[in-house]
Amino acid sequence: MELNGYRIMWLFVFFDLPTDTKKDRRNAQQFRKNLLKDGFTMMQYSVYTRHCASSESADVHEIRVKRLLPPLGKVSVLRITDKQFGNIMNFWGIALVPKEPPPMQLELF
């Protein structure tokens, strides 16, 4: 099977979970840990992504996310193609990084 930007999928899991009680915090933390165990990576604190080689693979991981759902809170799952994911624009704040010293000049005669 040929790799195709329209066949390869990305799953996004967005969530807003309550953290009012100790039990809620434990449920939220467990949900995040389980997403990581299933191969998701954290894009932002409540946004996790996972690369899937096919739509069938994405189906499997969507089912797993449904099984992991905590009793309270909001969870959304979005599936997009690799081609669509390629159009994502990420912006990070400007971090002050010290300038590297200029390299020593070498003179050849």
PDB file of N, CA and C in Angstrom:
ATOM      1  N   MET A   1       0.836  -1.169   0.000  1.00  0.00           N
ATOM      2  CA  MET A   1       0.000   0.000   0.000  1.00  0.00           C
ATOM      3  C   MET A   1       0.893   1.248   0.000  1.00  0.00           C
ATOM      4  N   GLU A   2       0.605   2.167  -0.857  1.00  0.00           N
ATOM      5  CA  GLU A   2       1.393   3.382  -1.004  1.00  0.00           C
ATOM      6  C   GLU A   2       0.993   4.403   0.053  1.00  0.00           C
ATOM      7  N   LEU A   3       2.002   5.077   0.633  1.00  0.00           N
ATOM      8  CA  LEU A   3       1.697   6.131   1.593  1.00  0.00           C
ATOM      9  C   LEU A   3       1.041   7.288   0.861  1.00  0.00           C
ATOM     10  N   ASN A   4       0.011   7.824   1.458  1.00  0.00           N
ATOM     11  CA  ASN A   4      -0.758   8.856   0.811  1.00  0.00           C
ATOM     12  C   ASN A   4      -1.160   9.883   1.866  1.00  0.00           C
ATOM     13  N   GLY A   5      -0.964  11.153   1.587  1.00  0.00           N
ATOM     14  CA  GLY A   5      -1.295  12.220   2.527  1.00  0.00           C
ATOM     15  C   GLY A   5      -2.765  12.322   2.850  1.00  0.00           C
ATOM     16  N   TYR A   6      -3.594  11.672   2.030  1.00  0.00           N
ATOM     17  CA  TYR A   6      -5.032  11.689   2.291  1.00  0.00           C
ATOM     18  C   TYR A   6      -5.481  10.447   3.044  1.00  0.00           C
ATOM     19  N   ARG A   7      -4.625   9.439   3.134  1.00  0.00           N
ATOM     20  CA  ARG A   7      -4.965   8.213   3.850  1.00  0.00           C
ATOM     21  C   ARG A   7      -4.415   8.219   5.280  1.00  0.00           C
ATOM     22  N   ILE A   8      -3.241   8.793   5.463  1.00  0.00           N
ATOM     23  CA  ILE A   8      -2.639   8.902   6.790  1.00  0.00           C
ATOM     24  C   ILE A   8      -3.460   9.903   7.594  1.00  0.00           C
ATOM     25  N   MET A   9      -3.736   9.578   8.852  1.00  0.00           N
ATOM     26  CA  MET A   9      -4.623  10.398   9.670  1.00  0.00           C
ATOM     27  C   MET A   9      -3.907  10.929  10.916  1.00  0.00           C
ATOM     28  N   TRP A  10      -4.423  11.991  11.435  1.00  0.00           N
ATOM     29  CA  TRP A  10      -4.014  12.548  12.719  1.00  0.00           C
ATOM     30  C   TRP A  10      -5.253  12.663  13.588  1.00  0.00           C
ATOM     31  N   LEU A  11      -5.134  12.251  14.836  1.00  0.00           N
ATOM     32  CA  LEU A  11      -6.219  12.417  15.797  1.00  0.00           C
ATOM     33  C   LEU A  11      -5.845  13.515  16.772  1.00  0.00           C
ATOM     34  N   PHE A  12      -6.771  14.385  17.028  1.00  0.00           N
ATOM     35  CA  PHE A  12      -6.624  15.414  18.053  1.00  0.00           C
ATOM     36  C   PHE A  12      -7.641  15.116  19.143  1.00  0.00           C
ATOM     37  N   VAL A  13      -7.210  15.185  20.385  1.00  0.00           N
ATOM     38  CA  VAL A  13      -8.117  15.060  21.521  1.00  0.00           C
ATOM     39  C   VAL A  13      -8.030  16.367  22.291  1.00  0.00           C
ATOM     40  N   PHE A  14      -9.181  17.040  22.388  1.00  0.00           N
ATOM     41  CA  PHE A  14      -9.295  18.294  23.128  1.00  0.00           C
ATOM     42  C   PHE A  14     -10.141  18.006  24.357  1.00  0.00           C
ATOM     43  N   PHE A  15      -9.752  18.531  25.498  1.00  0.00           N
ATOM     44  CA  PHE A  15     -10.585  18.276  26.671  1.00  0.00           C
ATOM     45  C   PHE A  15     -10.540  19.417  27.673  1.00  0.00           C
ATOM     46  N   ASP A  16     -11.616  19.496  28.421  1.00  0.00           N
ATOM     47  CA  ASP A  16     -11.752  20.437  29.519  1.00  0.00           C
ATOM     48  C   ASP A  16     -12.340  19.633  30.667  1.00  0.00           C
ATOM     49  N   LEU A  17     -11.501  19.246  31.599  1.00  0.00           N
ATOM     50  CA  LEU A  17     -11.915  18.375  32.691  1.00  0.00           C
ATOM     51  C   LEU A  17     -11.924  19.138  34.006  1.00  0.00           C
ATOM     52  N   PRO A  18     -12.905  18.852  34.854  1.00  0.00           N
ATOM     53  CA  PRO A  18     -12.939  19.540  36.149  1.00  0.00           C
ATOM     54  C   PRO A  18     -11.781  19.121  37.043  1.00  0.00           C
ATOM     55  N   THR A  19     -11.327  20.045  37.867  1.00  0.00           N
ATOM     56  CA  THR A  19     -10.243  19.766  38.813  1.00  0.00           C
ATOM     57  C   THR A  19     -10.584  20.331  40.191  1.00  0.00           C
ATOM     58  N   ASP A  20     -11.874  20.393  40.503  1.00  0.00           N
ATOM     59  CA  ASP A  20     -12.315  20.988  41.760  1.00  0.00           C
ATOM     60  C   ASP A  20     -11.986  20.121  42.970  1.00  0.00           C
ATOM     61  N   THR A  21     -12.166  18.825  42.823  1.00  0.00           N
ATOM     62  CA  THR A  21     -11.932  17.925  43.948  1.00  0.00           C
ATOM     63  C   THR A  21     -10.703  17.069  43.689  1.00  0.00           C
ATOM     64  N   LYS A  22     -10.244  16.410  44.742  1.00  0.00           N
ATOM     65  CA  LYS A  22      -9.089  15.524  44.608  1.00  0.00           C
ATOM     66  C   LYS A  22      -9.394  14.395  43.621  1.00  0.00           C
ATOM     67  N   LYS A  23     -10.617  13.872  43.667  1.00  0.00           N
ATOM     68  CA  LYS A  23     -11.025  12.798  42.758  1.00  0.00           C
ATOM     69  C   LYS A  23     -11.035  13.296  41.307  1.00  0.00           C
ATOM     70  N   ASP A  24     -11.535  14.519  41.084  1.00  0.00           N
ATOM     71  CA  ASP A  24     -11.541  15.096  39.729  1.00  0.00           C
ATOM     72  C   ASP A  24     -10.122  15.260  39.197  1.00  0.00           C
ATOM     73  N   ARG A  25      -9.228  15.756  40.052  1.00  0.00           N
ATOM     74  CA  ARG A  25      -7.835  15.935  39.625  1.00  0.00           C
ATOM     75  C   ARG A  25      -7.194  14.598  39.290  1.00  0.00           C
ATOM     76  N   ARG A  26      -7.486  13.592  40.090  1.00  0.00           N
ATOM     77  CA  ARG A  26      -6.945  12.250  39.844  1.00  0.00           C
ATOM     78  C   ARG A  26      -7.480  11.697  38.514  1.00  0.00           C
ATOM     79  N   ASN A  27      -8.784  11.886  38.256  1.00  0.00           N
ATOM     80  CA  ASN A  27      -9.381  11.422  36.990  1.00  0.00           C
ATOM     81  C   ASN A  27      -8.762  12.135  35.790  1.00  0.00           C
ATOM     82  N   ALA A  28      -8.554  13.443  35.913  1.00  0.00           N
ATOM     83  CA  ALA A  28      -7.957  14.214  34.810  1.00  0.00           C
ATOM     84  C   ALA A  28      -6.527  13.753  34.553  1.00  0.00           C
ATOM     85  N   GLN A  29      -5.764  13.563  35.623  1.00  0.00           N
ATOM     86  CA  GLN A  29      -4.372  13.120  35.477  1.00  0.00           C
ATOM     87  C   GLN A  29      -4.308  11.720  34.863  1.00  0.00           C
ATOM     88  N   GLN A  30      -5.197  10.850  35.299  1.00  0.00           N
ATOM     89  CA  GLN A  30      -5.223   9.488  34.755  1.00  0.00           C
ATOM     90  C   GLN A  30      -5.588   9.491  33.270  1.00  0.00           C
ATOM     91  N   PHE A  31      -6.525  10.368  32.877  1.00  0.00           N
ATOM     92  CA  PHE A  31      -6.903  10.487  31.470  1.00  0.00           C
ATOM     93  C   PHE A  31      -5.700  10.900  30.633  1.00  0.00           C
ATOM     94  N   ARG A  32      -4.954  11.906  31.107  1.00  0.00           N
ATOM     95  CA  ARG A  32      -3.757  12.357  30.379  1.00  0.00           C
ATOM     96  C   ARG A  32      -2.711  11.248  30.284  1.00  0.00           C
ATOM     97  N   LYS A  33      -2.478  10.555  31.387  1.00  0.00           N
ATOM     98  CA  LYS A  33      -1.488   9.467  31.381  1.00  0.00           C
ATOM     99  C   LYS A  33      -1.894   8.369  30.406  1.00  0.00           C
ATOM    100  N   ASN A  34      -3.177   8.046  30.366  1.00  0.00           N
ATOM    101  CA  ASN A  34      -3.645   7.000  29.452  1.00  0.00           C
ATOM    102  C   ASN A  34      -3.516   7.426  27.995  1.00  0.00           C
ATOM    103  N   LEU A  35      -3.724   8.712  27.711  1.00  0.00           N
ATOM    104  CA  LEU A  35      -3.513   9.189  26.342  1.00  0.00           C
ATOM    105  C   LEU A  35      -2.051   9.006  25.938  1.00  0.00           C
ATOM    106  N   LEU A  36      -1.145   9.340  26.852  1.00  0.00           N
ATOM    107  CA  LEU A  36       0.286   9.176  26.567  1.00  0.00           C
ATOM    108  C   LEU A  36       0.636   7.707  26.347  1.00  0.00           C
ATOM    109  N   LYS A  37       0.057   6.811  27.158  1.00  0.00           N
ATOM    110  CA  LYS A  37       0.307   5.376  26.994  1.00  0.00           C
ATOM    111  C   LYS A  37      -0.176   4.875  25.640  1.00  0.00           C
ATOM    112  N   ASP A  38      -1.221   5.513  25.109  1.00  0.00           N
ATOM    113  CA  ASP A  38      -1.774   5.098  23.815  1.00  0.00           C
ATOM    114  C   ASP A  38      -1.061   5.766  22.644  1.00  0.00           C
ATOM    115  N   GLY A  39       0.024   6.467  22.898  1.00  0.00           N
ATOM    116  CA  GLY A  39       0.820   7.027  21.810  1.00  0.00           C
ATOM    117  C   GLY A  39       0.512   8.462  21.453  1.00  0.00           C
ATOM    118  N   PHE A  40      -0.334   9.133  22.221  1.00  0.00           N
ATOM    119  CA  PHE A  40      -0.615  10.538  21.970  1.00  0.00           C
ATOM    120  C   PHE A  40       0.531  11.379  22.528  1.00  0.00           C
ATOM    121  N   THR A  41       0.728  12.549  21.946  1.00  0.00           N
ATOM    122  CA  THR A  41       1.711  13.486  22.475  1.00  0.00           C
ATOM    123  C   THR A  41       0.992  14.786  22.804  1.00  0.00           C
ATOM    124  N   MET A  42       1.484  15.463  23.819  1.00  0.00           N
ATOM    125  CA  MET A  42       0.854  16.704  24.243  1.00  0.00           C
ATOM    126  C   MET A  42       1.276  17.840  23.322  1.00  0.00           C
ATOM    127  N   MET A  43       0.294  18.469  22.706  1.00  0.00           N
ATOM    128  CA  MET A  43       0.545  19.637  21.868  1.00  0.00           C
ATOM    129  C   MET A  43       0.403  20.903  22.716  1.00  0.00           C
ATOM    130  N   GLN A  44      -0.621  20.926  23.544  1.00  0.00           N
ATOM    131  CA  GLN A  44      -0.836  21.944  24.561  1.00  0.00           C
ATOM    132  C   GLN A  44      -1.378  21.200  25.775  1.00  0.00           C
ATOM    133  N   TYR A  45      -1.594  21.887  26.877  1.00  0.00           N
ATOM    134  CA  TYR A  45      -1.956  21.188  28.098  1.00  0.00           C
ATOM    135  C   TYR A  45      -3.216  20.324  27.937  1.00  0.00           C
ATOM    136  N   SER A  46      -4.219  20.793  27.238  1.00  0.00           N
ATOM    137  CA  SER A  46      -5.454  20.025  27.059  1.00  0.00           C
ATOM    138  C   SER A  46      -5.683  19.638  25.605  1.00  0.00           C
ATOM    139  N   VAL A  47      -4.601  19.552  24.827  1.00  0.00           N
ATOM    140  CA  VAL A  47      -4.686  19.152  23.423  1.00  0.00           C
ATOM    141  C   VAL A  47      -3.610  18.107  23.166  1.00  0.00           C
ATOM    142  N   TYR A  48      -4.037  16.922  22.766  1.00  0.00           N
ATOM    143  CA  TYR A  48      -3.114  15.827  22.492  1.00  0.00           C
ATOM    144  C   TYR A  48      -3.315  15.367  21.057  1.00  0.00           C
ATOM    145  N   THR A  49      -2.223  14.954  20.398  1.00  0.00           N
ATOM    146  CA  THR A  49      -2.298  14.502  19.011  1.00  0.00           C
ATOM    147  C   THR A  49      -1.679  13.117  18.873  1.00  0.00           C
ATOM    148  N   ARG A  50      -2.136  12.410  17.835  1.00  0.00           N
ATOM    149  CA  ARG A  50      -1.574  11.086  17.545  1.00  0.00           C
ATOM    150  C   ARG A  50      -1.585  10.851  16.048  1.00  0.00           C
ATOM    151  N   HIS A  51      -0.469  10.384  15.532  1.00  0.00           N
ATOM    152  CA  HIS A  51      -0.342  10.006  14.130  1.00  0.00           C
ATOM    153  C   HIS A  51      -0.887   8.599  13.950  1.00  0.00           C
ATOM    154  N   CYS A  52      -1.704   8.391  12.927  1.00  0.00           N
ATOM    155  CA  CYS A  52      -2.245   7.063  12.622  1.00  0.00           C
ATOM    156  C   CYS A  52      -1.963   6.767  11.154  1.00  0.00           C
ATOM    157  N   ALA A  53      -1.483   5.576  10.886  1.00  0.00           N
ATOM    158  CA  ALA A  53      -1.081   5.220   9.524  1.00  0.00           C
ATOM    159  C   ALA A  53      -2.263   5.074   8.572  1.00  0.00           C
ATOM    160  N   SER A  54      -3.464   4.888   9.115  1.00  0.00           N
ATOM    161  CA  SER A  54      -4.637   4.693   8.254  1.00  0.00           C
ATOM    162  C   SER A  54      -5.896   5.098   8.999  1.00  0.00           C
ATOM    163  N   SER A  55      -6.974   5.143   8.270  1.00  0.00           N
ATOM    164  CA  SER A  55      -8.269   5.449   8.875  1.00  0.00           C
ATOM    165  C   SER A  55      -8.683   4.348   9.839  1.00  0.00           C
ATOM    166  N   GLU A  56      -8.346   3.104   9.502  1.00  0.00           N
ATOM    167  CA  GLU A  56      -8.680   1.975  10.375  1.00  0.00           C
ATOM    168  C   GLU A  56      -7.931   2.085  11.713  1.00  0.00           C
ATOM    169  N   SER A  57      -6.679   2.496  11.659  1.00  0.00           N
ATOM    170  CA  SER A  57      -5.904   2.701  12.873  1.00  0.00           C
ATOM    171  C   SER A  57      -6.513   3.830  13.707  1.00  0.00           C
ATOM    172  N   ALA A  58      -6.950   4.886  13.051  1.00  0.00           N
ATOM    173  CA  ALA A  58      -7.596   5.999  13.752  1.00  0.00           C
ATOM    174  C   ALA A  58      -8.878   5.524  14.433  1.00  0.00           C
ATOM    175  N   ASP A  59      -9.624   4.634  13.769  1.00  0.00           N
ATOM    176  CA  ASP A  59     -10.843   4.073  14.373  1.00  0.00           C
ATOM    177  C   ASP A  59     -10.524   3.396  15.698  1.00  0.00           C
ATOM    178  N   VAL A  60      -9.458   2.595  15.714  1.00  0.00           N
ATOM    179  CA  VAL A  60      -9.055   1.858  16.912  1.00  0.00           C
ATOM    180  C   VAL A  60      -8.742   2.829  18.051  1.00  0.00           C
ATOM    181  N   HIS A  61      -8.014   3.892  17.749  1.00  0.00           N
ATOM    182  CA  HIS A  61      -7.613   4.829  18.794  1.00  0.00           C
ATOM    183  C   HIS A  61      -8.779   5.701  19.258  1.00  0.00           C
ATOM    184  N   GLU A  62      -9.725   5.983  18.375  1.00  0.00           N
ATOM    185  CA  GLU A  62     -10.928   6.704  18.800  1.00  0.00           C
ATOM    186  C   GLU A  62     -11.712   5.858  19.805  1.00  0.00           C
ATOM    187  N   ILE A  63     -11.824   4.569  19.542  1.00  0.00           N
ATOM    188  CA  ILE A  63     -12.521   3.663  20.468  1.00  0.00           C
ATOM    189  C   ILE A  63     -11.804   3.635  21.816  1.00  0.00           C
ATOM    190  N   ARG A  64     -10.466   3.606  21.785  1.00  0.00           N
ATOM    191  CA  ARG A  64      -9.698   3.608  23.037  1.00  0.00           C
ATOM    192  C   ARG A  64      -9.938   4.882  23.831  1.00  0.00           C
ATOM    193  N   VAL A  65      -9.992   6.029  23.146  1.00  0.00           N
ATOM    194  CA  VAL A  65     -10.249   7.298  23.839  1.00  0.00           C
ATOM    195  C   VAL A  65     -11.625   7.243  24.498  1.00  0.00           C
ATOM    196  N   LYS A  66     -12.613   6.698  23.801  1.00  0.00           N
ATOM    197  CA  LYS A  66     -13.958   6.586  24.375  1.00  0.00           C
ATOM    198  C   LYS A  66     -13.941   5.746  25.647  1.00  0.00           C
ATOM    199  N   ARG A  67     -13.120   4.706  25.667  1.00  0.00           N
ATOM    200  CA  ARG A  67     -13.021   3.852  26.866  1.00  0.00           C
ATOM    201  C   ARG A  67     -12.317   4.559  28.020  1.00  0.00           C
ATOM    202  N   LEU A  68     -11.482   5.532  27.703  1.00  0.00           N
ATOM    203  CA  LEU A  68     -10.712   6.242  28.724  1.00  0.00           C
ATOM    204  C   LEU A  68     -11.456   7.422  29.345  1.00  0.00           C
ATOM    205  N   LEU A  69     -12.606   7.781  28.794  1.00  0.00           N
ATOM    206  CA  LEU A  69     -13.295   9.000  29.211  1.00  0.00           C
ATOM    207  C   LEU A  69     -13.552   9.039  30.713  1.00  0.00           C
ATOM    208  N   PRO A  70     -13.212  10.152  31.353  1.00  0.00           N
ATOM    209  CA  PRO A  70     -13.534  10.306  32.769  1.00  0.00           C
ATOM    210  C   PRO A  70     -15.031  10.566  32.920  1.00  0.00           C
ATOM    211  N   PRO A  71     -15.572  10.396  34.133  1.00  0.00           N
ATOM    212  CA  PRO A  71     -17.012  10.551  34.325  1.00  0.00           C
ATOM    213  C   PRO A  71     -17.518  11.973  34.093  1.00  0.00           C
ATOM    214  N   LEU A  72     -16.690  12.979  34.333  1.00  0.00           N
ATOM    215  CA  LEU A  72     -17.111  14.373  34.164  1.00  0.00           C
ATOM    216  C   LEU A  72     -16.180  15.082  33.193  1.00  0.00           C
ATOM    217  N   GLY A  73     -16.679  16.172  32.594  1.00  0.00           N
ATOM    218  CA  GLY A  73     -15.848  16.986  31.718  1.00  0.00           C
ATOM    219  C   GLY A  73     -16.250  16.861  30.261  1.00  0.00           C
ATOM    220  N   LYS A  74     -15.563  17.602  29.442  1.00  0.00           N
ATOM    221  CA  LYS A  74     -15.833  17.636  28.001  1.00  0.00           C
ATOM    222  C   LYS A  74     -14.602  17.142  27.260  1.00  0.00           C
ATOM    223  N   VAL A  75     -14.820  16.208  26.344  1.00  0.00           N
ATOM    224  CA  VAL A  75     -13.732  15.669  25.526  1.00  0.00           C
ATOM    225  C   VAL A  75     -14.208  15.663  24.079  1.00  0.00           C
ATOM    226  N   SER A  76     -13.383  16.173  23.177  1.00  0.00           N
ATOM    227  CA  SER A  76     -13.688  16.160  21.743  1.00  0.00           C
ATOM    228  C   SER A  76     -12.551  15.476  21.012  1.00  0.00           C
ATOM    229  N   VAL A  77     -12.890  14.727  19.960  1.00  0.00           N
ATOM    230  CA  VAL A  77     -11.897  14.055  19.129  1.00  0.00           C
ATOM    231  C   VAL A  77     -12.090  14.547  17.702  1.00  0.00           C
ATOM    232  N   LEU A  78     -11.006  14.971  17.093  1.00  0.00           N
ATOM    233  CA  LEU A  78     -11.026  15.455  15.715  1.00  0.00           C
ATOM    234  C   LEU A  78     -10.061  14.623  14.899  1.00  0.00           C
ATOM    235  N   ARG A  79     -10.493  14.200  13.716  1.00  0.00           N
ATOM    236  CA  ARG A  79      -9.653  13.425  12.810  1.00  0.00           C
ATOM    237  C   ARG A  79      -9.416  14.254  11.552  1.00  0.00           C
ATOM    238  N   ILE A  80      -8.138  14.396  11.200  1.00  0.00           N
ATOM    239  CA  ILE A  80      -7.805  15.108   9.962  1.00  0.00           C
ATOM    240  C   ILE A  80      -6.771  14.293   9.186  1.00  0.00           C
ATOM    241  N   THR A  81      -6.663  14.571   7.901  1.00  0.00           N
ATOM    242  CA  THR A  81      -5.684  13.868   7.079  1.00  0.00           C
ATOM    243  C   THR A  81      -4.302  14.476   7.283  1.00  0.00           C
ATOM    244  N   ASP A  82      -3.289  13.729   6.895  1.00  0.00           N
ATOM    245  CA  ASP A  82      -1.915  14.218   6.980  1.00  0.00           C
ATOM    246  C   ASP A  82      -1.742  15.443   6.094  1.00  0.00           C
ATOM    247  N   LYS A  83      -2.439  15.468   4.984  1.00  0.00           N
ATOM    248  CA  LYS A  83      -2.371  16.604   4.064  1.00  0.00           C
ATOM    249  C   LYS A  83      -2.902  17.865   4.751  1.00  0.00           C
ATOM    250  N   GLN A  84      -4.019  17.736   5.475  1.00  0.00           N
ATOM    251  CA  GLN A  84      -4.569  18.868   6.214  1.00  0.00           C
ATOM    252  C   GLN A  84      -3.630  19.283   7.349  1.00  0.00           C
ATOM    253  N   PHE A  85      -3.064  18.294   8.043  1.00  0.00           N
ATOM    254  CA  PHE A  85      -2.152  18.572   9.143  1.00  0.00           C
ATOM    255  C   PHE A  85      -0.935  19.348   8.657  1.00  0.00           C
ATOM    256  N   GLY A  86      -0.536  19.106   7.416  1.00  0.00           N
ATOM    257  CA  GLY A  86       0.607  19.811   6.839  1.00  0.00           C
ATOM    258  C   GLY A  86       0.381  21.306   6.705  1.00  0.00           C
ATOM    259  N   ASN A  87      -0.863  21.745   6.764  1.00  0.00           N
ATOM    260  CA  ASN A  87      -1.186  23.167   6.653  1.00  0.00           C
ATOM    261  C   ASN A  87      -1.243  23.877   8.002  1.00  0.00           C
ATOM    262  N   ILE A  88      -0.940  23.177   9.076  1.00  0.00           N
ATOM    263  CA  ILE A  88      -1.022  23.778  10.405  1.00  0.00           C
ATOM    264  C   ILE A  88       0.040  24.866  10.554  1.00  0.00           C
ATOM    265  N   MET A  89      -0.330  25.926  11.227  1.00  0.00           N
ATOM    266  CA  MET A  89       0.620  27.001  11.510  1.00  0.00           C
ATOM    267  C   MET A  89       0.781  27.069  13.024  1.00  0.00           C
ATOM    268  N   ASN A  90       1.995  26.930  13.510  1.00  0.00           N
ATOM    269  CA  ASN A  90       2.292  27.011  14.932  1.00  0.00           C
ATOM    270  C   ASN A  90       3.101  28.272  15.187  1.00  0.00           C
ATOM    271  N   PHE A  91       2.748  28.975  16.251  1.00  0.00           N
ATOM    272  CA  PHE A  91       3.469  30.178  16.629  1.00  0.00           C
ATOM    273  C   PHE A  91       3.906  30.038  18.078  1.00  0.00           C
ATOM    274  N   TRP A  92       5.153  30.297  18.328  1.00  0.00           N
ATOM    275  CA  TRP A  92       5.706  30.269  19.676  1.00  0.00           C
ATOM    276  C   TRP A  92       6.195  31.673  19.990  1.00  0.00           C
ATOM    277  N   GLY A  93       6.111  32.047  21.241  1.00  0.00           N
ATOM    278  CA  GLY A  93       6.617  33.346  21.655  1.00  0.00           C
ATOM    279  C   GLY A  93       8.117  33.442  21.424  1.00  0.00           C
ATOM    280  N   ILE A  94       8.584  34.637  21.320  1.00  0.00           N
ATOM    281  CA  ILE A  94      10.007  34.850  21.070  1.00  0.00           C
ATOM    282  C   ILE A  94      10.760  34.678  22.389  1.00  0.00           C
ATOM    283  N   ALA A  95      11.689  33.769  22.400  1.00  0.00           N
ATOM    284  CA  ALA A  95      12.506  33.536  23.588  1.00  0.00           C
ATOM    285  C   ALA A  95      13.850  34.214  23.396  1.00  0.00           C
ATOM    286  N   LEU A  96      14.313  34.861  24.426  1.00  0.00           N
ATOM    287  CA  LEU A  96      15.618  35.507  24.336  1.00  0.00           C
ATOM    288  C   LEU A  96      16.697  34.451  24.494  1.00  0.00           C
ATOM    289  N   VAL A  97      17.455  34.273  23.455  1.00  0.00           N
ATOM    290  CA  VAL A  97      18.550  33.311  23.455  1.00  0.00           C
ATOM    291  C   VAL A  97      19.837  34.090  23.256  1.00  0.00           C
ATOM    292  N   PRO A  98      20.815  33.896  24.118  1.00  0.00           N
ATOM    293  CA  PRO A  98      22.058  34.652  23.945  1.00  0.00           C
ATOM    294  C   PRO A  98      22.701  34.342  22.593  1.00  0.00           C
ATOM    295  N   LYS A  99      23.250  35.381  22.005  1.00  0.00           N
ATOM    296  CA  LYS A  99      23.927  35.204  20.722  1.00  0.00           C
ATOM    297  C   LYS A  99      25.160  34.338  20.903  1.00  0.00           C
ATOM    298  N   GLU A 100      25.398  33.513  19.902  1.00  0.00           N
ATOM    299  CA  GLU A 100      26.612  32.707  19.926  1.00  0.00           C
ATOM    300  C   GLU A 100      27.792  33.608  19.587  1.00  0.00           C
ATOM    301  N   PRO A 101      28.920  33.396  20.253  1.00  0.00           N
ATOM    302  CA  PRO A 101      30.084  34.220  19.911  1.00  0.00           C
ATOM    303  C   PRO A 101      30.521  33.912  18.476  1.00  0.00           C
ATOM    304  N   PRO A 102      31.045  34.930  17.789  1.00  0.00           N
ATOM    305  CA  PRO A 102      31.487  34.679  16.420  1.00  0.00           C
ATOM    306  C   PRO A 102      32.629  33.665  16.403  1.00  0.00           C
ATOM    307  N   PRO A 103      32.694  32.854  15.379  1.00  0.00           N
ATOM    308  CA  PRO A 103      33.766  31.849  15.321  1.00  0.00           C
ATOM    309  C   PRO A 103      35.126  32.533  15.182  1.00  0.00           C
ATOM    310  N   MET A 104      36.128  31.858  15.673  1.00  0.00           N
ATOM    311  CA  MET A 104      37.480  32.411  15.534  1.00  0.00           C
ATOM    312  C   MET A 104      37.873  32.367  14.072  1.00  0.00           C
ATOM    313  N   GLN A 105      38.468  33.420  13.638  1.00  0.00           N
ATOM    314  CA  GLN A 105      38.860  33.516  12.237  1.00  0.00           C
ATOM    315  C   GLN A 105      40.169  32.784  12.020  1.00  0.00           C
ATOM    316  N   LEU A 106      40.214  32.032  10.982  1.00  0.00           N
ATOM    317  CA  LEU A 106      41.427  31.289  10.638  1.00  0.00           C
ATOM    318  C   LEU A 106      42.049  31.960   9.412  1.00  0.00           C
ATOM    319  N   GLU A 107      43.304  32.287   9.507  1.00  0.00           N
ATOM    320  CA  GLU A 107      43.998  32.916   8.376  1.00  0.00           C
ATOM    321  C   GLU A 107      44.887  31.900   7.705  1.00  0.00           C
ATOM    322  N   LEU A 108      44.755  31.799   6.421  1.00  0.00           N
ATOM    323  CA  LEU A 108      45.597  30.905   5.636  1.00  0.00           C
ATOM    324  C   LEU A 108      46.488  31.761   4.730  1.00  0.00           C
ATOM    325  N   PHE A 109      47.787  31.442   4.689  1.00  0.00           N
ATOM    326  CA  PHE A 109      48.717  32.209   3.858  1.00  0.00           C
ATOM    327  C   PHE A 109      48.984  31.487   2.577  1.00  0.00           C
TER     328      PHE A 109
END
